[in-house]
Amino acid sequence: MKKFWNLTLDELERSQKFYSVFLIGLILAETMHIIWRITVSLRQIQEGYANMISLYQLFDGSKPYLLIVSAGVLGLLGYSLFSWVREWYFQGNYIQRLLLLPESRFPVALAKVFSTLLMAGGMLCVQMLLIGLTNILAGRFLPYYQAIVAPAEYIQAMSVTRLYLPITPKAWFLNYSIGIGFYLALTNAVILLLSRRDLTLPRKLFHTAVFATISFVSVTLYVRWYYQLDFLPGEVTRYALLFVSVIVFMLGQLIFMKWLMDRYVAI
């Protein structure tokens, strides 16, 4: 456990420059987007096409907001991929030397996964802060703005925001379990592709394709199971079964990751 935490702190320290630039870029992009949406909304009011400004218009009411959020998610996934390429192919890297030791491989993989999830949590906090500050400041200083008192009122009408800020606990389970499960599966796919130099590329692609198919089928079955829970009696029973299914799904990916790091990787 101590090795895992040390490796996680090391991963976070190595990602400081990227993460600082990433968050600053995200904040600047969303701030410019909000200013642009305010300008457009005020012009529409002056021309008589609207009579108020809502939080929906400043965020989910435009496609650029979806593009900004998507770019943020892809940026984190891209950095996670780069971190693996850095370890496998940059000679002399001390993490690569750790990967020579079988007992150190799985902690290295876990540290990379956990550090990326922490960075994603930071991105989520920034999104929540931007939405809250925009609602407060616009309510005080922006004319024609209709402030939201209860956050659920805003999230209920959203399409993009509702993905990362669900209203119900059940929706939290579904969205984040699929999101984390997808990231674990993506990490396993990257390990399959990069960790065996003795295999030809077609063979590595075949292994990855087989794994991707199994993961896709697992996610599909999980989503179908999620919606079937509504027909079961008892709310406690439904949530208990949902929690168990999430744990089984995550453990399956982690067990496969451990097998890859212990048995499949060849440095």
Protein backbone atom coordinates (compact mmCIF):
# COMPACT_ATOMS: atom_id res chain seq x y z
CA MET A 1 0.00 0.00 0.00
CA LYS A 2 2.85 2.38 0.79
CA LYS A 3 4.36 1.71 -2.63
CA PHE A 4 1.00 2.45 -4.27
CA TRP A 5 0.62 5.81 -2.50
CA ASN A 6 4.21 6.80 -3.25
CA LEU A 7 3.71 5.96 -6.92
CA THR A 8 0.41 7.88 -6.99
CA LEU A 9 2.02 10.98 -5.49
CA ASP A 10 4.85 10.62 -7.98
CA GLU A 11 2.39 10.41 -10.90
CA LEU A 12 0.59 13.53 -9.66
CA GLU A 13 3.89 15.37 -9.30
CA ARG A 14 4.95 14.41 -12.83
CA SER A 15 1.61 15.61 -14.21
CA GLN A 16 1.69 19.02 -12.49
CA LYS A 17 2.72 21.04 -15.55
CA PHE A 18 0.23 19.35 -17.84
CA TYR A 19 -2.59 19.55 -15.29
CA SER A 20 -1.97 23.24 -14.53
CA VAL A 21 -2.06 24.15 -18.22
CA PHE A 22 -5.07 21.85 -18.70
CA LEU A 23 -7.16 23.47 -15.94
CA ILE A 24 -6.18 27.02 -16.93
CA GLY A 25 -7.11 26.27 -20.55
CA LEU A 26 -10.43 24.73 -19.45
CA ILE A 27 -11.32 27.73 -17.27
CA LEU A 28 -10.36 30.24 -19.99
CA ALA A 29 -12.32 28.35 -22.66
CA GLU A 30 -15.46 28.16 -20.51
CA THR A 31 -15.14 31.79 -19.40
CA MET A 32 -14.91 32.96 -23.02
CA HIS A 33 -17.86 30.72 -23.86
CA ILE A 34 -19.96 32.22 -21.04
CA ILE A 35 -19.10 35.79 -22.13
CA TRP A 36 -20.04 34.93 -25.71
CA ARG A 37 -23.35 33.39 -24.61
CA ILE A 38 -24.16 36.45 -22.46
CA THR A 39 -23.50 38.73 -25.44
CA VAL A 40 -25.73 36.63 -27.71
CA SER A 41 -28.52 36.46 -25.10
CA LEU A 42 -28.48 40.23 -24.49
CA ARG A 43 -28.67 40.85 -28.24
CA GLN A 44 -31.66 38.50 -28.51
CA ILE A 45 -33.43 40.38 -25.70
CA GLN A 46 -32.77 43.74 -27.37
CA GLU A 47 -34.17 42.41 -30.66
CA GLY A 48 -37.26 41.05 -28.90
CA TYR A 49 -36.57 37.35 -29.44
CA ALA A 50 -36.26 36.62 -25.69
CA ASN A 51 -37.16 38.27 -22.38
CA MET A 52 -34.71 36.65 -19.93
CA ILE A 53 -31.38 34.85 -19.60
CA SER A 54 -31.08 31.45 -17.93
CA LEU A 55 -28.20 29.29 -16.78
CA TYR A 56 -29.16 26.80 -19.47
CA GLN A 57 -28.45 29.39 -22.18
CA LEU A 58 -24.98 30.04 -20.74
CA PHE A 59 -23.94 26.38 -20.60
CA ASP A 60 -25.88 23.49 -22.13
CA GLY A 61 -27.79 25.70 -24.54
CA SER A 62 -24.93 25.73 -27.04
CA LYS A 63 -22.87 23.08 -28.82
CA PRO A 64 -19.48 24.68 -27.96
CA TYR A 65 -20.07 23.77 -24.31
CA LEU A 66 -20.34 20.09 -25.26
CA LEU A 67 -17.15 20.45 -27.32
CA ILE A 68 -15.28 22.06 -24.40
CA VAL A 69 -16.31 19.34 -21.94
CA SER A 70 -15.53 16.61 -24.48
CA ALA A 71 -12.12 18.16 -25.17
CA GLY A 72 -11.42 18.15 -21.44
CA VAL A 73 -12.27 14.45 -21.10
CA LEU A 74 -10.26 13.55 -24.20
CA GLY A 75 -7.35 15.62 -22.90
CA LEU A 76 -7.20 13.57 -19.70
CA LEU A 77 -7.49 10.30 -21.61
CA GLY A 78 -4.78 11.47 -24.00
CA TYR A 79 -2.43 12.29 -21.13
CA SER A 80 -3.11 8.89 -19.57
CA LEU A 81 -2.18 7.23 -22.88
CA PHE A 82 0.96 9.38 -23.13
CA SER A 83 2.00 8.37 -19.61
CA TRP A 84 1.98 4.71 -20.67
CA VAL A 85 3.90 5.43 -23.89
CA ARG A 86 6.42 7.34 -21.80
CA GLU A 87 7.04 4.36 -19.55
CA TRP A 88 7.23 1.69 -22.26
CA TYR A 89 9.36 3.49 -24.84
CA PHE A 90 11.50 6.15 -23.11
CA GLN A 91 14.69 4.34 -22.20
CA GLY A 92 16.22 4.98 -18.78
CA ASN A 93 12.91 5.89 -17.14
CA TYR A 94 12.90 4.72 -13.52
CA ILE A 95 9.28 3.54 -13.85
CA GLN A 96 10.45 1.28 -16.65
CA ARG A 97 13.01 -0.17 -14.28
CA LEU A 98 10.23 -0.78 -11.75
CA LEU A 99 8.26 -2.61 -14.42
CA LEU A 100 11.10 -5.11 -14.63
CA LEU A 101 10.07 -6.26 -11.14
CA PRO A 102 6.86 -8.35 -11.29
CA GLU A 103 5.78 -7.29 -7.77
CA SER A 104 5.93 -3.60 -8.77
CA ARG A 105 3.95 -3.76 -12.02
CA PHE A 106 0.39 -3.81 -10.70
CA PRO A 107 1.01 -0.94 -8.20
CA VAL A 108 2.38 1.12 -11.12
CA ALA A 109 -0.80 0.48 -13.13
CA LEU A 110 -3.05 1.23 -10.15
CA ALA A 111 -1.18 4.47 -9.44
CA LYS A 112 -1.68 5.63 -13.02
CA VAL A 113 -5.39 4.81 -12.91
CA PHE A 114 -5.96 6.46 -9.52
CA SER A 115 -3.99 9.61 -10.37
CA THR A 116 -6.00 10.08 -13.57
CA LEU A 117 -9.26 9.61 -11.66
CA LEU A 118 -8.11 12.23 -9.15
CA MET A 119 -7.41 14.65 -12.00
CA ALA A 120 -10.86 13.91 -13.42
CA GLY A 121 -12.30 14.69 -9.98
CA GLY A 122 -10.48 18.02 -10.05
CA MET A 123 -11.99 18.77 -13.45
CA LEU A 124 -15.44 17.93 -12.05
CA CYS A 125 -14.90 20.31 -9.11
CA VAL A 126 -13.90 23.08 -11.54
CA GLN A 127 -17.09 22.51 -13.54
CA MET A 128 -19.25 22.67 -10.41
CA LEU A 129 -17.44 25.81 -9.25
CA LEU A 130 -17.89 27.54 -12.61
CA ILE A 131 -21.60 26.75 -12.71
CA GLY A 132 -22.12 27.94 -9.12
CA LEU A 133 -20.10 31.15 -9.52
CA THR A 134 -21.78 31.96 -12.83
CA ASN A 135 -25.21 31.56 -11.27
CA ILE A 136 -24.31 33.78 -8.28
CA LEU A 137 -22.49 36.53 -10.21
CA ALA A 138 -25.01 36.64 -13.06
CA GLY A 139 -27.85 36.84 -10.53
CA ARG A 140 -26.27 39.92 -8.97
CA PHE A 141 -24.84 41.82 -11.91
CA LEU A 142 -26.51 40.62 -15.13
CA PRO A 143 -29.85 42.17 -16.10
CA TYR A 144 -32.66 39.90 -17.25
CA TYR A 145 -30.98 36.91 -15.58
CA GLN A 146 -33.17 34.37 -13.80
CA ALA A 147 -31.06 32.89 -10.99
CA ILE A 148 -31.45 29.24 -10.00
CA VAL A 149 -32.09 28.65 -6.30
CA ALA A 150 -32.04 24.85 -6.26
CA PRO A 151 -29.27 23.20 -8.33
CA ALA A 152 -31.60 20.32 -9.18
CA GLU A 153 -33.81 22.77 -11.09
CA TYR A 154 -30.91 23.49 -13.43
CA ILE A 155 -29.53 19.97 -13.76
CA GLN A 156 -32.98 18.49 -14.47
CA ALA A 157 -33.18 20.43 -17.74
CA MET A 158 -29.60 19.78 -18.84
CA SER A 159 -28.24 17.19 -21.23
CA VAL A 160 -24.46 17.56 -20.88
CA THR A 161 -24.29 18.62 -17.23
CA ARG A 162 -26.62 15.82 -16.18
CA LEU A 163 -24.01 13.30 -17.38
CA TYR A 164 -21.39 14.34 -14.80
CA LEU A 165 -23.79 15.77 -12.18
CA PRO A 166 -26.69 13.28 -12.06
CA ILE A 167 -29.63 14.00 -9.78
CA THR A 168 -30.48 10.54 -8.44
CA PRO A 169 -28.11 8.10 -6.68
CA LYS A 170 -29.05 5.46 -9.23
CA ALA A 171 -27.97 7.74 -12.08
CA TRP A 172 -24.69 8.42 -10.23
CA PHE A 173 -24.07 4.67 -10.08
CA LEU A 174 -24.78 4.19 -13.77
CA ASN A 175 -22.86 7.17 -15.16
CA TYR A 176 -19.76 6.86 -13.02
CA SER A 177 -19.56 3.09 -13.00
CA ILE A 178 -19.69 3.05 -16.81
CA GLY A 179 -17.22 5.94 -17.00
CA ILE A 180 -14.70 4.36 -14.63
CA GLY A 181 -15.26 0.92 -16.16
CA PHE A 182 -14.62 2.35 -19.62
CA TYR A 183 -11.40 3.97 -18.40
CA LEU A 184 -10.21 0.72 -16.81
CA ALA A 185 -10.99 -1.15 -20.02
CA LEU A 186 -9.16 1.49 -22.06
CA THR A 187 -6.13 1.19 -19.77
CA ASN A 188 -6.13 -2.58 -20.19
CA ALA A 189 -6.34 -2.16 -23.96
CA VAL A 190 -3.34 0.20 -23.90
CA ILE A 191 -1.37 -2.34 -21.85
CA LEU A 192 -2.26 -5.04 -24.37
CA LEU A 193 -1.02 -2.89 -27.25
CA LEU A 194 2.17 -1.49 -25.75
CA SER A 195 3.57 -4.03 -23.32
CA ARG A 196 4.72 -6.84 -25.64
CA ARG A 197 7.52 -5.99 -28.04
CA ASP A 198 8.01 -9.64 -28.94
CA LEU A 199 4.58 -9.87 -30.63
CA THR A 200 3.70 -8.62 -34.09
CA LEU A 201 1.32 -5.68 -34.43
CA PRO A 202 -1.50 -7.75 -36.03
CA ARG A 203 -1.38 -10.20 -33.13
CA LYS A 204 -1.47 -7.40 -30.55
CA LEU A 205 -4.38 -5.80 -32.41
CA PHE A 206 -6.18 -9.16 -32.40
CA HIS A 207 -5.73 -9.52 -28.63
CA THR A 208 -6.97 -5.97 -28.11
CA ALA A 209 -9.99 -6.51 -30.39
CA VAL A 210 -11.00 -9.65 -28.49
CA PHE A 211 -10.70 -7.81 -25.17
CA ALA A 212 -12.65 -4.79 -26.50
CA THR A 213 -15.46 -7.08 -27.67
CA ILE A 214 -15.68 -8.79 -24.27
CA SER A 215 -15.68 -5.40 -22.50
CA PHE A 216 -18.39 -4.04 -24.81
CA VAL A 217 -20.60 -7.08 -24.19
CA SER A 218 -20.03 -6.72 -20.42
CA VAL A 219 -21.05 -3.05 -20.47
CA THR A 220 -24.12 -3.83 -22.57
CA LEU A 221 -25.22 -6.56 -20.16
CA TYR A 222 -24.59 -4.24 -17.22
CA VAL A 223 -26.76 -1.46 -18.72
CA ARG A 224 -29.56 -3.93 -19.46
CA TRP A 225 -29.30 -5.23 -15.90
CA TYR A 226 -29.48 -1.64 -14.63
CA TYR A 227 -32.81 -1.01 -16.34
CA GLN A 228 -34.20 -4.40 -15.32
CA LEU A 229 -33.76 -3.43 -11.65
CA ASP A 230 -36.76 -1.10 -11.90
CA PHE A 231 -39.01 -4.14 -12.11
CA LEU A 232 -37.72 -5.69 -8.87
CA PRO A 233 -39.65 -5.12 -5.62
CA GLY A 234 -38.03 -3.13 -2.81
CA GLU A 235 -35.83 -0.05 -3.24
CA VAL A 236 -33.16 -1.35 -0.84
CA THR A 237 -32.92 -4.60 -2.82
CA ARG A 238 -32.53 -2.70 -6.09
CA TYR A 239 -29.73 -0.50 -4.78
CA ALA A 240 -27.98 -3.46 -3.15
CA LEU A 241 -28.02 -5.44 -6.40
CA LEU A 242 -26.86 -2.37 -8.34
CA PHE A 243 -23.97 -1.86 -5.92
CA VAL A 244 -22.96 -5.53 -6.16
CA SER A 245 -23.07 -5.43 -9.97
CA VAL A 246 -20.85 -2.32 -9.98
CA ILE A 247 -18.32 -4.00 -7.68
CA VAL A 248 -18.27 -7.16 -9.82
CA PHE A 249 -17.80 -5.12 -13.00
CA MET A 250 -14.92 -3.07 -11.52
CA LEU A 251 -13.25 -6.08 -9.93
CA GLY A 252 -13.36 -7.93 -13.23
CA GLN A 253 -11.41 -5.15 -14.94
CA LEU A 254 -8.93 -4.84 -12.05
CA ILE A 255 -8.33 -8.60 -11.88
CA PHE A 256 -7.66 -8.65 -15.61
CA MET A 257 -5.30 -5.68 -15.20
CA LYS A 258 -3.40 -7.53 -12.49
CA TRP A 259 -3.14 -10.62 -14.69
CA LEU A 260 -1.83 -8.47 -17.55
CA MET A 261 0.82 -6.82 -15.39
CA ASP A 262 1.86 -10.08 -13.70
CA ARG A 263 1.66 -12.55 -16.60
CA TYR A 264 1.38 -10.76 -19.94
CA VAL A 265 3.79 -7.82 -19.77
CA ALA A 266 7.22 -8.46 -21.26
CA ILE A 267 9.85 -5.73 -20.89
